[in-house]
Amino acid sequence: MILLIGGEKGGTGKSTIATNIAVNLAHQQKEVVIIDCDPQGTATKWLSRRNKLFPNLPKVFSIQKTGDIYDTSIDMSHRYKYVIIDAGGRDSEELRTAMVACNKMYIPLKASQPDIETTNHIIQLIKLARTLNPKLLAFTMISMASTNHVLKENQEAILLLSKLNIAKTSNVIIHERKVYRDAIADGKGIMEYDNIKAKNEIMQLFEEIFCNE
């Protein structure tokens, strides 16, 4: 399976989601590789820290690749059961070719007007990708959401996203929590901490992604 975590908006937690899904797979003894297409190399740096500081934790593999990543994605899918593509937050050659290669795509968005407005263009990219990859499944999701339950912005954003007829809306919300930042900095996954709320979020997303596996 090739899973793409991507979109046009930066700073929405794509690397956080990609690394945590990879860790969950690794803990299930699955072979998983991350293709890091982000110029910032967040996932690559995360994995370097993981390998150095925690060599006994379940293994995650990664490669860095820019430009046209279609052939690389297909090649990696023959070597690993699970390929996770961490694409940068912009319309790029990496994003477009990944959309043609992947089975499933998740588009993390903040519950803000600027983020929601980017969906118009990403929907056009999904339509374009489906001319070559008609089985592409695309999901929008709210990420880095406020934990203030009084605010209605999360629900309002989900309502707007649910009106899109090209991409489905994930049932999972990933909230802004310090433990996610700690995990990236430490080279670990959320399931390797004791934060129940964050672990539940990642597990719910994991189960949604792989419900038909």
C-alpha atoms as a PDB file:
ATOM      1  CA  MET A   1       0.000   0.000   0.000  1.00  0.00           C
ATOM      2  CA  ILE A   2       1.200   3.487  -0.861  1.00  0.00           C
ATOM      3  CA  LEU A   3      -0.144   6.151   1.496  1.00  0.00           C
ATOM      4  CA  LEU A   4       0.368   9.832   0.744  1.00  0.00           C
ATOM      5  CA  ILE A   5       0.212  12.480   3.458  1.00  0.00           C
ATOM      6  CA  GLY A   6       0.212  15.708   1.503  1.00  0.00           C
ATOM      7  CA  GLY A   7      -1.452  18.932   0.508  1.00  0.00           C
ATOM      8  CA  GLU A   8      -0.779  22.509  -0.464  1.00  0.00           C
ATOM      9  CA  LYS A   9      -0.713  24.031   2.993  1.00  0.00           C
ATOM     10  CA  GLY A  10       2.417  23.903   5.141  1.00  0.00           C
ATOM     11  CA  GLY A  11       2.507  23.522   8.905  1.00  0.00           C
ATOM     12  CA  THR A  12      -0.439  21.150   9.176  1.00  0.00           C
ATOM     13  CA  GLY A  13       1.335  18.240  10.842  1.00  0.00           C
ATOM     14  CA  LYS A  14       1.964  16.055   7.792  1.00  0.00           C
ATOM     15  CA  SER A  15       5.302  14.744   9.081  1.00  0.00           C
ATOM     16  CA  THR A  16       3.779  14.111  12.501  1.00  0.00           C
ATOM     17  CA  ILE A  17       1.043  11.995  10.947  1.00  0.00           C
ATOM     18  CA  ALA A  18       3.418  10.169   8.585  1.00  0.00           C
ATOM     19  CA  THR A  19       5.920   9.247  11.299  1.00  0.00           C
ATOM     20  CA  ASN A  20       3.262   8.104  13.744  1.00  0.00           C
ATOM     21  CA  ILE A  21       1.515   5.893  11.215  1.00  0.00           C
ATOM     22  CA  ALA A  22       4.915   4.411  10.360  1.00  0.00           C
ATOM     23  CA  VAL A  23       5.679   3.685  14.023  1.00  0.00           C
ATOM     24  CA  ASN A  24       2.335   1.960  14.499  1.00  0.00           C
ATOM     25  CA  LEU A  25       3.039  -0.258  11.493  1.00  0.00           C
ATOM     26  CA  ALA A  26       6.538  -1.030  12.767  1.00  0.00           C
ATOM     27  CA  HIS A  27       5.139  -2.108  16.134  1.00  0.00           C
ATOM     28  CA  GLN A  28       2.972  -4.588  14.241  1.00  0.00           C
ATOM     29  CA  GLN A  29       6.116  -6.057  12.658  1.00  0.00           C
ATOM     30  CA  LYS A  30       5.258  -4.554   9.273  1.00  0.00           C
ATOM     31  CA  GLU A  31       7.984  -3.404   6.912  1.00  0.00           C
ATOM     32  CA  VAL A  32       7.449   0.299   6.290  1.00  0.00           C
ATOM     33  CA  VAL A  33       9.420   2.992   4.498  1.00  0.00           C
ATOM     34  CA  ILE A  34       8.857   6.744   4.480  1.00  0.00           C
ATOM     35  CA  ILE A  35       9.619   8.635   1.279  1.00  0.00           C
ATOM     36  CA  ASP A  36      10.524  12.095   2.546  1.00  0.00           C
ATOM     37  CA  CYS A  37       9.814  14.663  -0.174  1.00  0.00           C
ATOM     38  CA  ASP A  38       9.734  17.665   2.144  1.00  0.00           C
ATOM     39  CA  PRO A  39      12.712  20.021   1.603  1.00  0.00           C
ATOM     40  CA  GLN A  40      12.817  20.498   5.381  1.00  0.00           C
ATOM     41  CA  GLY A  41      13.526  16.787   5.807  1.00  0.00           C
ATOM     42  CA  THR A  42      11.535  16.568   9.039  1.00  0.00           C
ATOM     43  CA  ALA A  43      10.850  12.830   8.771  1.00  0.00           C
ATOM     44  CA  THR A  44      14.456  12.076   7.825  1.00  0.00           C
ATOM     45  CA  LYS A  45      15.807  14.009  10.805  1.00  0.00           C
ATOM     46  CA  TRP A  46      13.240  12.327  13.066  1.00  0.00           C
ATOM     47  CA  LEU A  47      14.374   8.892  11.910  1.00  0.00           C
ATOM     48  CA  SER A  48      18.039   9.781  12.367  1.00  0.00           C
ATOM     49  CA  ARG A  49      17.340  10.651  16.009  1.00  0.00           C
ATOM     50  CA  ARG A  50      15.287   7.474  16.454  1.00  0.00           C
ATOM     51  CA  ASN A  51      18.050   5.243  15.115  1.00  0.00           C
ATOM     52  CA  LYS A  52      20.723   6.963  17.189  1.00  0.00           C
ATOM     53  CA  LEU A  53      18.882   7.297  20.500  1.00  0.00           C
ATOM     54  CA  PHE A  54      16.599   4.242  20.430  1.00  0.00           C
ATOM     55  CA  PRO A  55      18.252   1.512  18.338  1.00  0.00           C
ATOM     56  CA  ASN A  56      16.110  -1.188  19.970  1.00  0.00           C
ATOM     57  CA  LEU A  57      12.758   0.327  18.999  1.00  0.00           C
ATOM     58  CA  PRO A  58      10.915  -1.186  16.012  1.00  0.00           C
ATOM     59  CA  LYS A  59      12.573  -0.175  12.759  1.00  0.00           C
ATOM     60  CA  VAL A  60      11.251   2.385  10.325  1.00  0.00           C
ATOM     61  CA  PHE A  61      13.105   3.004   7.066  1.00  0.00           C
ATOM     62  CA  SER A  62      13.241   6.158   4.979  1.00  0.00           C
ATOM     63  CA  ILE A  63      14.653   7.671   1.825  1.00  0.00           C
ATOM     64  CA  GLN A  64      14.749  11.263   0.603  1.00  0.00           C
ATOM     65  CA  LYS A  65      13.552  11.976  -2.913  1.00  0.00           C
ATOM     66  CA  THR A  66      12.586  15.100  -4.826  1.00  0.00           C
ATOM     67  CA  GLY A  67      11.190  15.729  -8.281  1.00  0.00           C
ATOM     68  CA  ASP A  68       9.247  12.966 -10.007  1.00  0.00           C
ATOM     69  CA  ILE A  69       8.774  10.284  -7.350  1.00  0.00           C
ATOM     70  CA  TYR A  70       6.393   7.991  -9.256  1.00  0.00           C
ATOM     71  CA  ASP A  71       8.949   5.331 -10.179  1.00  0.00           C
ATOM     72  CA  THR A  72      10.543   5.481  -6.722  1.00  0.00           C
ATOM     73  CA  SER A  73       7.161   5.018  -5.048  1.00  0.00           C
ATOM     74  CA  ILE A  74       6.305   1.985  -7.161  1.00  0.00           C
ATOM     75  CA  ASP A  75       9.771   0.518  -6.639  1.00  0.00           C
ATOM     76  CA  MET A  76       9.527   0.942  -2.860  1.00  0.00           C
ATOM     77  CA  SER A  77       6.077  -0.707  -2.883  1.00  0.00           C
ATOM     78  CA  HIS A  78       7.725  -3.828  -4.309  1.00  0.00           C
ATOM     79  CA  ARG A  79      10.289  -3.849  -1.500  1.00  0.00           C
ATOM     80  CA  TYR A  80       8.098  -2.837   1.443  1.00  0.00           C
ATOM     81  CA  LYS A  81       4.521  -3.750   2.250  1.00  0.00           C
ATOM     82  CA  TYR A  82       3.794  -0.162   3.290  1.00  0.00           C
ATOM     83  CA  VAL A  83       5.104   3.033   1.709  1.00  0.00           C
ATOM     84  CA  ILE A  84       4.291   6.364   3.338  1.00  0.00           C
ATOM     85  CA  ILE A  85       4.990   9.507   1.325  1.00  0.00           C
ATOM     86  CA  ASP A  86       5.560  12.684   3.338  1.00  0.00           C
ATOM     87  CA  ALA A  87       5.062  15.459   0.789  1.00  0.00           C
ATOM     88  CA  GLY A  88       5.794  19.108   1.478  1.00  0.00           C
ATOM     89  CA  GLY A  89       3.029  21.654   1.850  1.00  0.00           C
ATOM     90  CA  ARG A  90       2.878  23.046  -1.676  1.00  0.00           C
ATOM     91  CA  ASP A  91       1.777  22.215  -5.193  1.00  0.00           C
ATOM     92  CA  SER A  92       4.879  20.483  -6.498  1.00  0.00           C
ATOM     93  CA  GLU A  93       6.128  17.799  -8.847  1.00  0.00           C
ATOM     94  CA  GLU A  94       6.583  15.565  -5.805  1.00  0.00           C
ATOM     95  CA  LEU A  95       2.958  15.996  -4.734  1.00  0.00           C
ATOM     96  CA  ARG A  96       1.499  15.503  -8.204  1.00  0.00           C
ATOM     97  CA  THR A  97       3.506  12.382  -9.043  1.00  0.00           C
ATOM     98  CA  ALA A  98       2.835  10.934  -5.586  1.00  0.00           C
ATOM     99  CA  MET A  99      -0.895  11.361  -6.189  1.00  0.00           C
ATOM    100  CA  VAL A 100      -0.595   9.273  -9.349  1.00  0.00           C
ATOM    101  CA  ALA A 101       1.322   6.539  -7.505  1.00  0.00           C
ATOM    102  CA  CYS A 102      -0.583   6.262  -4.219  1.00  0.00           C
ATOM    103  CA  ASN A 103      -3.564   4.151  -3.222  1.00  0.00           C
ATOM    104  CA  LYS A 104      -4.798   6.523  -0.558  1.00  0.00           C
ATOM    105  CA  MET A 105      -4.165  10.191   0.215  1.00  0.00           C
ATOM    106  CA  TYR A 106      -4.782  12.135   3.413  1.00  0.00           C
ATOM    107  CA  ILE A 107      -4.813  15.933   3.264  1.00  0.00           C
ATOM    108  CA  PRO A 108      -4.323  17.476   6.743  1.00  0.00           C
ATOM    109  CA  LEU A 109      -5.784  20.954   7.179  1.00  0.00           C
ATOM    110  CA  LYS A 110      -6.089  23.362  10.056  1.00  0.00           C
ATOM    111  CA  ALA A 111      -9.579  24.489  10.986  1.00  0.00           C
ATOM    112  CA  SER A 112      -8.990  27.931   9.465  1.00  0.00           C
ATOM    113  CA  GLN A 113     -10.368  29.803   6.483  1.00  0.00           C
ATOM    114  CA  PRO A 114      -6.997  30.026   4.644  1.00  0.00           C
ATOM    115  CA  ASP A 115      -6.520  26.259   4.930  1.00  0.00           C
ATOM    116  CA  ILE A 116     -10.055  25.402   3.873  1.00  0.00           C
ATOM    117  CA  GLU A 117      -9.726  27.714   0.867  1.00  0.00           C
ATOM    118  CA  THR A 118      -6.820  25.631  -0.473  1.00  0.00           C
ATOM    119  CA  THR A 119      -9.182  22.704  -1.013  1.00  0.00           C
ATOM    120  CA  ASN A 120     -10.470  24.207  -4.265  1.00  0.00           C
ATOM    121  CA  HIS A 121      -7.099  23.720  -5.932  1.00  0.00           C
ATOM    122  CA  ILE A 122      -6.273  20.370  -4.324  1.00  0.00           C
ATOM    123  CA  ILE A 123      -9.616  19.056  -5.582  1.00  0.00           C
ATOM    124  CA  GLN A 124      -8.533  19.971  -9.106  1.00  0.00           C
ATOM    125  CA  LEU A 125      -5.266  18.099  -8.530  1.00  0.00           C
ATOM    126  CA  ILE A 126      -7.210  15.045  -7.348  1.00  0.00           C
ATOM    127  CA  LYS A 127      -9.344  15.137 -10.499  1.00  0.00           C
ATOM    128  CA  LEU A 128      -6.205  15.397 -12.622  1.00  0.00           C
ATOM    129  CA  ALA A 129      -4.482  12.549 -10.769  1.00  0.00           C
ATOM    130  CA  ARG A 130      -7.511  10.302 -11.203  1.00  0.00           C
ATOM    131  CA  THR A 131      -7.189  10.486 -14.985  1.00  0.00           C
ATOM    132  CA  LEU A 132      -4.077   8.328 -14.483  1.00  0.00           C
ATOM    133  CA  ASN A 133      -4.924   6.800 -11.104  1.00  0.00           C
ATOM    134  CA  PRO A 134      -8.711   6.301 -11.103  1.00  0.00           C
ATOM    135  CA  LYS A 135      -8.719   4.272  -7.876  1.00  0.00           C
ATOM    136  CA  LEU A 136      -7.127   7.065  -5.821  1.00  0.00           C
ATOM    137  CA  LEU A 137      -8.949   7.488  -2.498  1.00  0.00           C
ATOM    138  CA  ALA A 138      -8.616  10.990  -1.055  1.00  0.00           C
ATOM    139  CA  PHE A 139      -9.511  12.187   2.435  1.00  0.00           C
ATOM    140  CA  THR A 140      -9.392  15.618   4.009  1.00  0.00           C
ATOM    141  CA  MET A 141      -8.860  15.807   7.755  1.00  0.00           C
ATOM    142  CA  ILE A 142      -8.570  18.418  10.485  1.00  0.00           C
ATOM    143  CA  SER A 143      -5.147  18.501  12.104  1.00  0.00           C
ATOM    144  CA  MET A 144      -3.517  20.636  14.792  1.00  0.00           C
ATOM    145  CA  ALA A 145      -6.983  21.495  16.080  1.00  0.00           C
ATOM    146  CA  SER A 146      -7.597  23.461  19.250  1.00  0.00           C
ATOM    147  CA  THR A 147      -8.326  21.393  22.354  1.00  0.00           C
ATOM    148  CA  ASN A 148     -10.767  24.098  23.494  1.00  0.00           C
ATOM    149  CA  HIS A 149     -14.089  22.321  23.128  1.00  0.00           C
ATOM    150  CA  VAL A 150     -15.986  25.597  23.482  1.00  0.00           C
ATOM    151  CA  LEU A 151     -14.747  26.709  20.067  1.00  0.00           C
ATOM    152  CA  LYS A 152     -16.898  25.615  17.141  1.00  0.00           C
ATOM    153  CA  GLU A 153     -14.244  26.009  14.440  1.00  0.00           C
ATOM    154  CA  ASN A 154     -13.469  22.285  14.234  1.00  0.00           C
ATOM    155  CA  GLN A 155     -17.089  21.352  13.627  1.00  0.00           C
ATOM    156  CA  GLU A 156     -17.561  24.243  11.196  1.00  0.00           C
ATOM    157  CA  ALA A 157     -14.498  23.187   9.208  1.00  0.00           C
ATOM    158  CA  ILE A 158     -15.653  19.565   9.060  1.00  0.00           C
ATOM    159  CA  LEU A 159     -19.054  20.720   7.808  1.00  0.00           C
ATOM    160  CA  LEU A 160     -17.424  22.683   4.991  1.00  0.00           C
ATOM    161  CA  LEU A 161     -15.144  19.783   4.060  1.00  0.00           C
ATOM    162  CA  SER A 162     -18.034  17.322   4.083  1.00  0.00           C
ATOM    163  CA  LYS A 163     -19.601  19.229   1.189  1.00  0.00           C
ATOM    164  CA  LEU A 164     -16.734  18.276  -1.115  1.00  0.00           C
ATOM    165  CA  ASN A 165     -17.835  15.497  -3.455  1.00  0.00           C
ATOM    166  CA  ILE A 166     -14.357  14.578  -4.678  1.00  0.00           C
ATOM    167  CA  ALA A 167     -12.652  13.839  -1.350  1.00  0.00           C
ATOM    168  CA  LYS A 168     -14.107  12.157   1.697  1.00  0.00           C
ATOM    169  CA  THR A 169     -13.800  13.693   5.155  1.00  0.00           C
ATOM    170  CA  SER A 170     -11.934  11.763   7.835  1.00  0.00           C
ATOM    171  CA  ASN A 171     -13.791  11.038  11.049  1.00  0.00           C
ATOM    172  CA  VAL A 172     -10.594  11.691  13.021  1.00  0.00           C
ATOM    173  CA  ILE A 173      -9.340  15.028  14.357  1.00  0.00           C
ATOM    174  CA  ILE A 174      -5.702  15.381  15.390  1.00  0.00           C
ATOM    175  CA  HIS A 175      -5.409  18.049  18.080  1.00  0.00           C
ATOM    176  CA  GLU A 176      -2.559  20.392  18.877  1.00  0.00           C
ATOM    177  CA  ARG A 177      -0.728  18.680  21.740  1.00  0.00           C
ATOM    178  CA  LYS A 178       2.791  19.157  23.079  1.00  0.00           C
ATOM    179  CA  VAL A 179       3.419  15.413  23.027  1.00  0.00           C
ATOM    180  CA  TYR A 180       3.308  15.439  19.212  1.00  0.00           C
ATOM    181  CA  ARG A 181       6.123  17.993  19.141  1.00  0.00           C
ATOM    182  CA  ASP A 182       8.021  15.965  21.742  1.00  0.00           C
ATOM    183  CA  ALA A 183       7.698  12.826  19.624  1.00  0.00           C
ATOM    184  CA  ILE A 184       9.169  14.507  16.541  1.00  0.00           C
ATOM    185  CA  ALA A 185      12.004  15.961  18.617  1.00  0.00           C
ATOM    186  CA  ASP A 186      12.728  12.642  20.361  1.00  0.00           C
ATOM    187  CA  GLY A 187      12.524  10.359  17.336  1.00  0.00           C
ATOM    188  CA  LYS A 188       9.583   8.423  18.731  1.00  0.00           C
ATOM    189  CA  GLY A 189       5.933   7.736  18.031  1.00  0.00           C
ATOM    190  CA  ILE A 190       2.937   8.668  20.150  1.00  0.00           C
ATOM    191  CA  MET A 191       2.273   5.025  21.012  1.00  0.00           C
ATOM    192  CA  GLU A 192       5.681   5.020  22.733  1.00  0.00           C
ATOM    193  CA  TYR A 193       4.413   7.615  25.240  1.00  0.00           C
ATOM    194  CA  ASP A 194       1.727   7.501  27.915  1.00  0.00           C
ATOM    195  CA  ASN A 195      -0.518  10.281  26.565  1.00  0.00           C
ATOM    196  CA  ILE A 196      -3.856   8.495  26.245  1.00  0.00           C
ATOM    197  CA  LYS A 197      -5.675  11.221  24.295  1.00  0.00           C
ATOM    198  CA  ALA A 198      -2.976  11.494  21.645  1.00  0.00           C
ATOM    199  CA  LYS A 199      -2.616   7.713  21.424  1.00  0.00           C
ATOM    200  CA  ASN A 200      -6.357   7.368  20.877  1.00  0.00           C
ATOM    201  CA  GLU A 201      -6.269   9.935  18.062  1.00  0.00           C
ATOM    202  CA  ILE A 202      -3.443   8.183  16.243  1.00  0.00           C
ATOM    203  CA  MET A 203      -4.985   4.748  16.754  1.00  0.00           C
ATOM    204  CA  GLN A 204      -8.341   5.953  15.397  1.00  0.00           C
ATOM    205  CA  LEU A 205      -6.626   7.370  12.330  1.00  0.00           C
ATOM    206  CA  PHE A 206      -4.572   4.201  11.901  1.00  0.00           C
ATOM    207  CA  GLU A 207      -7.687   2.038  12.033  1.00  0.00           C
ATOM    208  CA  GLU A 208      -9.499   4.291   9.564  1.00  0.00           C
ATOM    209  CA  ILE A 209      -6.630   4.178   7.069  1.00  0.00           C
ATOM    210  CA  PHE A 210      -6.186   0.415   7.216  1.00  0.00           C
ATOM    211  CA  CYS A 211      -9.792  -0.633   7.847  1.00  0.00           C
ATOM    212  CA  ASN A 212      -9.853  -2.768   4.699  1.00  0.00           C
ATOM    213  CA  GLU A 213      -6.377  -4.248   5.068  1.00  0.00           C
END
